[in-house]
Amino acid sequence: MTAHRQATPPTSVTRPAWRTWAQRLVVTVLLALTVGWTSSTAMKWDATFATPAGFGRGLLHGALMPMAWPTLITGRDQTIYAASNSGRTYKLGYSLGVNACGLLFFGWFFTRLRRWRKPGPAAPDAH
């Protein structure tokens, strides 16, 4: 008679929870610094234009506005709105940019949240 061996599933090495959170914190801080620097640099570059900001630049400023948080939180002032603008068209672009940025961020966030909350495979009944 031949003995049947039962296959054992490969074991995965799990990291401690504190290490996972520490890694996420470091990545988040680095990402925030990068986003803040990029936003600040883009707004400084945009301020060099002599013409008033219109719809397109309003769209850019609106999209960059939420990204100014890391810079503002660290105590550095940053321009988030063009004082010299074309009026209503700039404001429409700015509003659309803020909302589009929010849609992308919160869409990604809630998709991740749904994945985290998704229940695993059902455990068999022990009856």
N, C-alpha and C. Protein backbone atom coordinates (compact mmCIF):
# COMPACT_ATOMS: atom_id res chain seq x y z
N MET A 1 0.84 -1.17 0.00
CA MET A 1 0.00 0.00 0.00
C MET A 1 0.88 1.23 0.00
N THR A 2 0.42 2.17 -0.70
CA THR A 2 1.15 3.42 -0.74
C THR A 2 0.51 4.43 0.19
N ALA A 3 1.36 5.08 0.89
CA ALA A 3 0.85 6.12 1.81
C ALA A 3 0.69 7.41 1.03
N HIS A 4 -0.44 8.04 1.21
CA HIS A 4 -0.68 9.32 0.53
C HIS A 4 -0.22 10.44 1.44
N ARG A 5 0.59 11.28 0.87
CA ARG A 5 1.06 12.44 1.63
C ARG A 5 0.09 13.59 1.42
N GLN A 6 -0.20 14.25 2.48
CA GLN A 6 -1.07 15.41 2.39
C GLN A 6 -0.20 16.62 2.11
N ALA A 7 -0.57 17.38 1.08
CA ALA A 7 0.20 18.56 0.72
C ALA A 7 -0.01 19.65 1.77
N THR A 8 1.09 20.24 2.20
CA THR A 8 0.98 21.33 3.16
C THR A 8 1.11 22.65 2.39
N PRO A 9 0.24 23.58 2.68
CA PRO A 9 0.34 24.86 1.98
C PRO A 9 1.61 25.59 2.37
N PRO A 10 2.17 26.34 1.44
CA PRO A 10 3.38 27.09 1.78
C PRO A 10 3.06 28.14 2.84
N THR A 11 3.97 28.27 3.77
CA THR A 11 3.75 29.25 4.83
C THR A 11 4.33 30.59 4.38
N SER A 12 3.63 31.63 4.69
CA SER A 12 4.13 32.96 4.34
C SER A 12 4.65 33.63 5.61
N VAL A 13 5.70 34.37 5.44
CA VAL A 13 6.29 35.08 6.56
C VAL A 13 5.53 36.38 6.72
N THR A 14 4.97 36.60 7.89
CA THR A 14 4.24 37.83 8.14
C THR A 14 5.09 38.77 8.96
N ARG A 15 5.00 40.04 8.61
CA ARG A 15 5.73 41.06 9.35
C ARG A 15 4.89 41.49 10.55
N PRO A 16 5.54 41.95 11.58
CA PRO A 16 4.79 42.48 12.72
C PRO A 16 3.97 43.70 12.29
N ALA A 17 2.84 43.89 12.95
CA ALA A 17 1.93 44.99 12.59
C ALA A 17 2.62 46.35 12.73
N TRP A 18 3.44 46.53 13.76
CA TRP A 18 4.09 47.82 13.96
C TRP A 18 5.01 48.14 12.80
N ARG A 19 5.62 47.13 12.22
CA ARG A 19 6.54 47.35 11.11
C ARG A 19 5.80 47.78 9.85
N THR A 20 4.64 47.17 9.62
CA THR A 20 3.81 47.54 8.48
C THR A 20 3.34 48.99 8.62
N TRP A 21 2.88 49.37 9.83
CA TRP A 21 2.43 50.73 10.06
C TRP A 21 3.58 51.73 9.95
N ALA A 22 4.75 51.36 10.44
CA ALA A 22 5.92 52.25 10.36
C ALA A 22 6.31 52.48 8.89
N GLN A 23 6.26 51.42 8.11
CA GLN A 23 6.58 51.54 6.69
C GLN A 23 5.56 52.44 5.99
N ARG A 24 4.29 52.26 6.30
CA ARG A 24 3.26 53.11 5.70
C ARG A 24 3.43 54.56 6.10
N LEU A 25 3.81 54.80 7.35
CA LEU A 25 4.02 56.15 7.83
C LEU A 25 5.17 56.82 7.08
N VAL A 26 6.27 56.11 6.92
CA VAL A 26 7.43 56.66 6.20
C VAL A 26 7.06 56.96 4.75
N VAL A 27 6.38 56.05 4.09
CA VAL A 27 5.97 56.26 2.70
C VAL A 27 5.03 57.46 2.61
N THR A 28 4.08 57.57 3.55
CA THR A 28 3.14 58.68 3.54
C THR A 28 3.85 60.01 3.72
N VAL A 29 4.79 60.08 4.66
CA VAL A 29 5.53 61.33 4.90
C VAL A 29 6.35 61.70 3.67
N LEU A 30 7.04 60.74 3.08
CA LEU A 30 7.83 61.01 1.87
C LEU A 30 6.93 61.47 0.72
N LEU A 31 5.79 60.82 0.56
CA LEU A 31 4.85 61.21 -0.48
C LEU A 31 4.31 62.61 -0.24
N ALA A 32 3.98 62.93 1.01
CA ALA A 32 3.47 64.27 1.35
C ALA A 32 4.53 65.34 1.06
N LEU A 33 5.77 65.07 1.41
CA LEU A 33 6.84 66.03 1.14
C LEU A 33 7.03 66.23 -0.36
N THR A 34 6.99 65.15 -1.12
CA THR A 34 7.14 65.22 -2.57
C THR A 34 5.99 66.00 -3.20
N VAL A 35 4.78 65.70 -2.77
CA VAL A 35 3.60 66.39 -3.29
C VAL A 35 3.65 67.87 -2.94
N GLY A 36 4.00 68.19 -1.70
CA GLY A 36 4.10 69.58 -1.28
C GLY A 36 5.14 70.35 -2.06
N TRP A 37 6.29 69.74 -2.27
CA TRP A 37 7.36 70.39 -3.04
C TRP A 37 6.92 70.60 -4.49
N THR A 38 6.30 69.59 -5.08
CA THR A 38 5.84 69.68 -6.47
C THR A 38 4.80 70.79 -6.62
N SER A 39 3.85 70.83 -5.70
CA SER A 39 2.81 71.85 -5.74
C SER A 39 3.40 73.25 -5.59
N SER A 40 4.29 73.42 -4.64
CA SER A 40 4.92 74.72 -4.40
C SER A 40 5.71 75.17 -5.62
N THR A 41 6.47 74.27 -6.21
CA THR A 41 7.28 74.59 -7.40
C THR A 41 6.38 74.96 -8.58
N ALA A 42 5.29 74.20 -8.77
CA ALA A 42 4.38 74.48 -9.88
C ALA A 42 3.72 75.85 -9.73
N MET A 43 3.32 76.21 -8.52
CA MET A 43 2.67 77.50 -8.29
C MET A 43 3.67 78.66 -8.45
N LYS A 44 4.92 78.45 -8.04
CA LYS A 44 5.94 79.49 -8.24
C LYS A 44 6.20 79.70 -9.73
N TRP A 45 6.26 78.61 -10.48
CA TRP A 45 6.47 78.70 -11.93
C TRP A 45 5.28 79.40 -12.57
N ASP A 46 4.07 79.07 -12.14
CA ASP A 46 2.88 79.66 -12.72
C ASP A 46 2.81 81.16 -12.44
N ALA A 47 3.34 81.60 -11.32
CA ALA A 47 3.31 83.03 -10.96
C ALA A 47 4.17 83.87 -11.90
N THR A 48 5.03 83.25 -12.70
CA THR A 48 5.90 84.01 -13.61
C THR A 48 5.16 84.48 -14.86
N PHE A 49 3.96 83.97 -15.13
CA PHE A 49 3.20 84.39 -16.31
C PHE A 49 2.65 85.80 -16.10
N ALA A 50 2.72 86.63 -17.15
CA ALA A 50 2.24 88.01 -17.06
C ALA A 50 0.73 88.11 -17.30
N THR A 51 0.15 87.17 -18.01
CA THR A 51 -1.28 87.23 -18.33
C THR A 51 -2.12 86.71 -17.16
N PRO A 52 -3.34 87.23 -17.02
CA PRO A 52 -4.22 86.74 -15.95
C PRO A 52 -4.55 85.26 -16.16
N ALA A 53 -4.71 84.55 -15.08
CA ALA A 53 -5.03 83.11 -15.14
C ALA A 53 -6.45 82.91 -15.66
N GLY A 54 -6.61 81.99 -16.58
CA GLY A 54 -7.92 81.67 -17.14
C GLY A 54 -8.41 80.31 -16.68
N PHE A 55 -9.27 79.70 -17.48
CA PHE A 55 -9.88 78.42 -17.12
C PHE A 55 -8.84 77.31 -16.91
N GLY A 56 -7.91 77.17 -17.85
CA GLY A 56 -6.92 76.10 -17.77
C GLY A 56 -6.03 76.21 -16.54
N ARG A 57 -5.55 77.41 -16.28
CA ARG A 57 -4.72 77.60 -15.10
C ARG A 57 -5.54 77.48 -13.82
N GLY A 58 -6.81 77.88 -13.88
CA GLY A 58 -7.70 77.68 -12.74
C GLY A 58 -7.88 76.20 -12.45
N LEU A 59 -8.00 75.41 -13.51
CA LEU A 59 -8.11 73.95 -13.36
C LEU A 59 -6.86 73.40 -12.68
N LEU A 60 -5.70 73.85 -13.12
CA LEU A 60 -4.42 73.42 -12.53
C LEU A 60 -4.33 73.86 -11.06
N HIS A 61 -4.67 75.12 -10.79
CA HIS A 61 -4.60 75.62 -9.40
C HIS A 61 -5.56 74.86 -8.50
N GLY A 62 -6.75 74.56 -9.00
CA GLY A 62 -7.72 73.80 -8.21
C GLY A 62 -7.23 72.40 -7.91
N ALA A 63 -6.61 71.77 -8.91
CA ALA A 63 -6.09 70.41 -8.69
C ALA A 63 -4.91 70.42 -7.73
N LEU A 64 -4.12 71.48 -7.74
CA LEU A 64 -2.95 71.56 -6.86
C LEU A 64 -3.31 72.02 -5.45
N MET A 65 -4.45 72.67 -5.28
CA MET A 65 -4.81 73.24 -3.98
C MET A 65 -4.80 72.20 -2.86
N PRO A 66 -5.45 71.03 -3.01
CA PRO A 66 -5.39 70.06 -1.91
C PRO A 66 -3.96 69.56 -1.64
N MET A 67 -3.12 69.62 -2.66
CA MET A 67 -1.75 69.16 -2.49
C MET A 67 -0.90 70.15 -1.72
N ALA A 68 -1.43 71.33 -1.45
CA ALA A 68 -0.69 72.33 -0.69
C ALA A 68 -0.73 72.05 0.80
N TRP A 69 -1.57 71.15 1.24
CA TRP A 69 -1.70 70.85 2.67
C TRP A 69 -0.38 70.55 3.35
N PRO A 70 0.45 69.63 2.82
CA PRO A 70 1.70 69.33 3.53
C PRO A 70 2.57 70.58 3.74
N THR A 71 2.63 71.45 2.75
CA THR A 71 3.44 72.66 2.87
C THR A 71 2.83 73.61 3.90
N LEU A 72 1.53 73.79 3.85
CA LEU A 72 0.85 74.70 4.77
C LEU A 72 0.92 74.18 6.21
N ILE A 73 0.80 72.88 6.39
CA ILE A 73 0.84 72.29 7.73
C ILE A 73 2.22 72.48 8.37
N THR A 74 3.27 72.44 7.54
CA THR A 74 4.62 72.61 8.08
C THR A 74 4.95 74.07 8.38
N GLY A 75 3.99 74.99 8.14
CA GLY A 75 4.19 76.38 8.50
C GLY A 75 4.70 77.27 7.39
N ARG A 76 4.89 76.73 6.21
CA ARG A 76 5.35 77.56 5.09
C ARG A 76 4.14 78.05 4.31
N ASP A 77 4.16 79.32 3.93
CA ASP A 77 3.05 79.89 3.17
C ASP A 77 3.18 79.47 1.71
N GLN A 78 2.04 79.22 1.07
CA GLN A 78 2.04 78.83 -0.33
C GLN A 78 0.83 79.43 -1.01
N THR A 79 1.03 79.94 -2.20
CA THR A 79 -0.07 80.49 -2.97
C THR A 79 -0.92 79.35 -3.51
N ILE A 80 -2.24 79.46 -3.33
CA ILE A 80 -3.13 78.41 -3.84
C ILE A 80 -4.21 78.97 -4.75
N TYR A 81 -4.15 80.28 -5.00
CA TYR A 81 -5.18 80.93 -5.80
C TYR A 81 -4.53 82.13 -6.49
N ALA A 82 -4.78 82.29 -7.78
CA ALA A 82 -4.18 83.41 -8.51
C ALA A 82 -4.97 84.69 -8.27
N ALA A 83 -4.31 85.69 -7.74
CA ALA A 83 -4.98 86.97 -7.50
C ALA A 83 -5.33 87.65 -8.82
N SER A 84 -4.46 87.49 -9.81
CA SER A 84 -4.71 88.05 -11.13
C SER A 84 -5.33 86.95 -12.00
N ASN A 85 -6.66 86.99 -12.08
CA ASN A 85 -7.34 85.95 -12.87
C ASN A 85 -8.40 86.57 -13.75
N SER A 86 -8.98 85.75 -14.62
CA SER A 86 -9.95 86.24 -15.60
C SER A 86 -11.37 86.32 -15.06
N GLY A 87 -11.57 86.00 -13.80
CA GLY A 87 -12.91 86.10 -13.22
C GLY A 87 -13.64 84.77 -13.20
N ARG A 88 -14.85 84.78 -13.77
CA ARG A 88 -15.73 83.61 -13.70
C ARG A 88 -15.10 82.37 -14.33
N THR A 89 -14.44 82.50 -15.47
CA THR A 89 -13.87 81.31 -16.11
C THR A 89 -12.76 80.69 -15.24
N TYR A 90 -11.96 81.55 -14.60
CA TYR A 90 -10.92 81.03 -13.70
C TYR A 90 -11.55 80.28 -12.54
N LYS A 91 -12.59 80.89 -11.95
CA LYS A 91 -13.26 80.27 -10.81
C LYS A 91 -13.93 78.96 -11.19
N LEU A 92 -14.49 78.88 -12.38
CA LEU A 92 -15.09 77.61 -12.85
C LEU A 92 -14.00 76.54 -12.98
N GLY A 93 -12.86 76.91 -13.57
CA GLY A 93 -11.75 75.96 -13.70
C GLY A 93 -11.21 75.54 -12.35
N TYR A 94 -11.08 76.50 -11.44
CA TYR A 94 -10.58 76.20 -10.09
C TYR A 94 -11.51 75.22 -9.38
N SER A 95 -12.81 75.49 -9.44
CA SER A 95 -13.79 74.61 -8.79
C SER A 95 -13.75 73.21 -9.40
N LEU A 96 -13.66 73.15 -10.71
CA LEU A 96 -13.60 71.84 -11.38
C LEU A 96 -12.32 71.10 -10.99
N GLY A 97 -11.21 71.81 -10.90
CA GLY A 97 -9.94 71.19 -10.51
C GLY A 97 -9.98 70.63 -9.10
N VAL A 98 -10.53 71.40 -8.16
CA VAL A 98 -10.65 70.93 -6.77
C VAL A 98 -11.53 69.68 -6.71
N ASN A 99 -12.67 69.73 -7.41
CA ASN A 99 -13.59 68.59 -7.37
C ASN A 99 -13.02 67.36 -8.06
N ALA A 100 -12.32 67.54 -9.17
CA ALA A 100 -11.71 66.41 -9.86
C ALA A 100 -10.63 65.76 -9.00
N CYS A 101 -9.83 66.59 -8.33
CA CYS A 101 -8.80 66.07 -7.44
C CYS A 101 -9.44 65.31 -6.29
N GLY A 102 -10.51 65.87 -5.71
CA GLY A 102 -11.22 65.19 -4.63
C GLY A 102 -11.82 63.88 -5.09
N LEU A 103 -12.39 63.87 -6.29
CA LEU A 103 -12.97 62.64 -6.83
C LEU A 103 -11.91 61.55 -6.98
N LEU A 104 -10.76 61.93 -7.52
CA LEU A 104 -9.68 60.94 -7.67
C LEU A 104 -9.20 60.42 -6.32
N PHE A 105 -8.94 61.34 -5.38
CA PHE A 105 -8.43 60.93 -4.08
C PHE A 105 -9.46 60.09 -3.33
N PHE A 106 -10.67 60.61 -3.18
CA PHE A 106 -11.67 59.89 -2.40
C PHE A 106 -12.14 58.63 -3.11
N GLY A 107 -12.15 58.63 -4.44
CA GLY A 107 -12.47 57.41 -5.18
C GLY A 107 -11.45 56.32 -4.87
N TRP A 108 -10.17 56.69 -4.88
CA TRP A 108 -9.11 55.73 -4.56
C TRP A 108 -9.22 55.29 -3.11
N PHE A 109 -9.45 56.26 -2.21
CA PHE A 109 -9.52 55.96 -0.79
C PHE A 109 -10.67 54.99 -0.48
N PHE A 110 -11.85 55.25 -1.02
CA PHE A 110 -12.99 54.39 -0.72
C PHE A 110 -12.87 53.03 -1.40
N THR A 111 -12.17 52.97 -2.53
CA THR A 111 -11.90 51.67 -3.15
C THR A 111 -10.99 50.85 -2.25
N ARG A 112 -9.96 51.49 -1.71
CA ARG A 112 -9.06 50.79 -0.78
C ARG A 112 -9.80 50.37 0.48
N LEU A 113 -10.64 51.24 1.00
CA LEU A 113 -11.41 50.95 2.21
C LEU A 113 -12.32 49.74 1.98
N ARG A 114 -12.94 49.68 0.83
CA ARG A 114 -13.81 48.54 0.51
C ARG A 114 -13.00 47.25 0.46
N ARG A 115 -11.80 47.30 -0.12
CA ARG A 115 -10.95 46.09 -0.16
C ARG A 115 -10.55 45.66 1.24
N TRP A 116 -10.24 46.62 2.12
CA TRP A 116 -9.84 46.28 3.49
C TRP A 116 -10.98 45.64 4.25
N ARG A 117 -12.20 46.08 3.98
CA ARG A 117 -13.36 45.57 4.71
C ARG A 117 -13.95 44.32 4.09
N LYS A 118 -13.51 43.95 2.89
CA LYS A 118 -14.06 42.79 2.22
C LYS A 118 -13.81 41.55 3.07
N PRO A 119 -14.88 40.80 3.38
CA PRO A 119 -14.69 39.60 4.22
C PRO A 119 -13.90 38.53 3.46
N GLY A 120 -13.14 37.78 4.21
CA GLY A 120 -12.37 36.67 3.64
C GLY A 120 -13.27 35.50 3.34
N PRO A 121 -12.71 34.38 2.93
CA PRO A 121 -13.53 33.20 2.64
C PRO A 121 -14.23 32.73 3.91
N ALA A 122 -15.43 32.28 3.72
CA ALA A 122 -16.24 31.83 4.87
C ALA A 122 -15.62 30.60 5.51
N ALA A 123 -15.61 30.59 6.82
CA ALA A 123 -15.07 29.44 7.56
C ALA A 123 -16.11 28.32 7.56
N PRO A 124 -15.67 27.07 7.43
CA PRO A 124 -16.62 25.97 7.43
C PRO A 124 -17.29 25.84 8.80
N ASP A 125 -18.52 25.37 8.77
CA ASP A 125 -19.25 25.16 10.02
C ASP A 125 -18.58 24.05 10.84
N ALA A 126 -18.56 24.24 12.14
CA ALA A 126 -17.93 23.26 13.04
C ALA A 126 -18.98 22.38 13.69
N HIS A 127 -20.17 22.31 13.14
CA HIS A 127 -21.25 21.52 13.74
C HIS A 127 -21.02 20.07 13.56
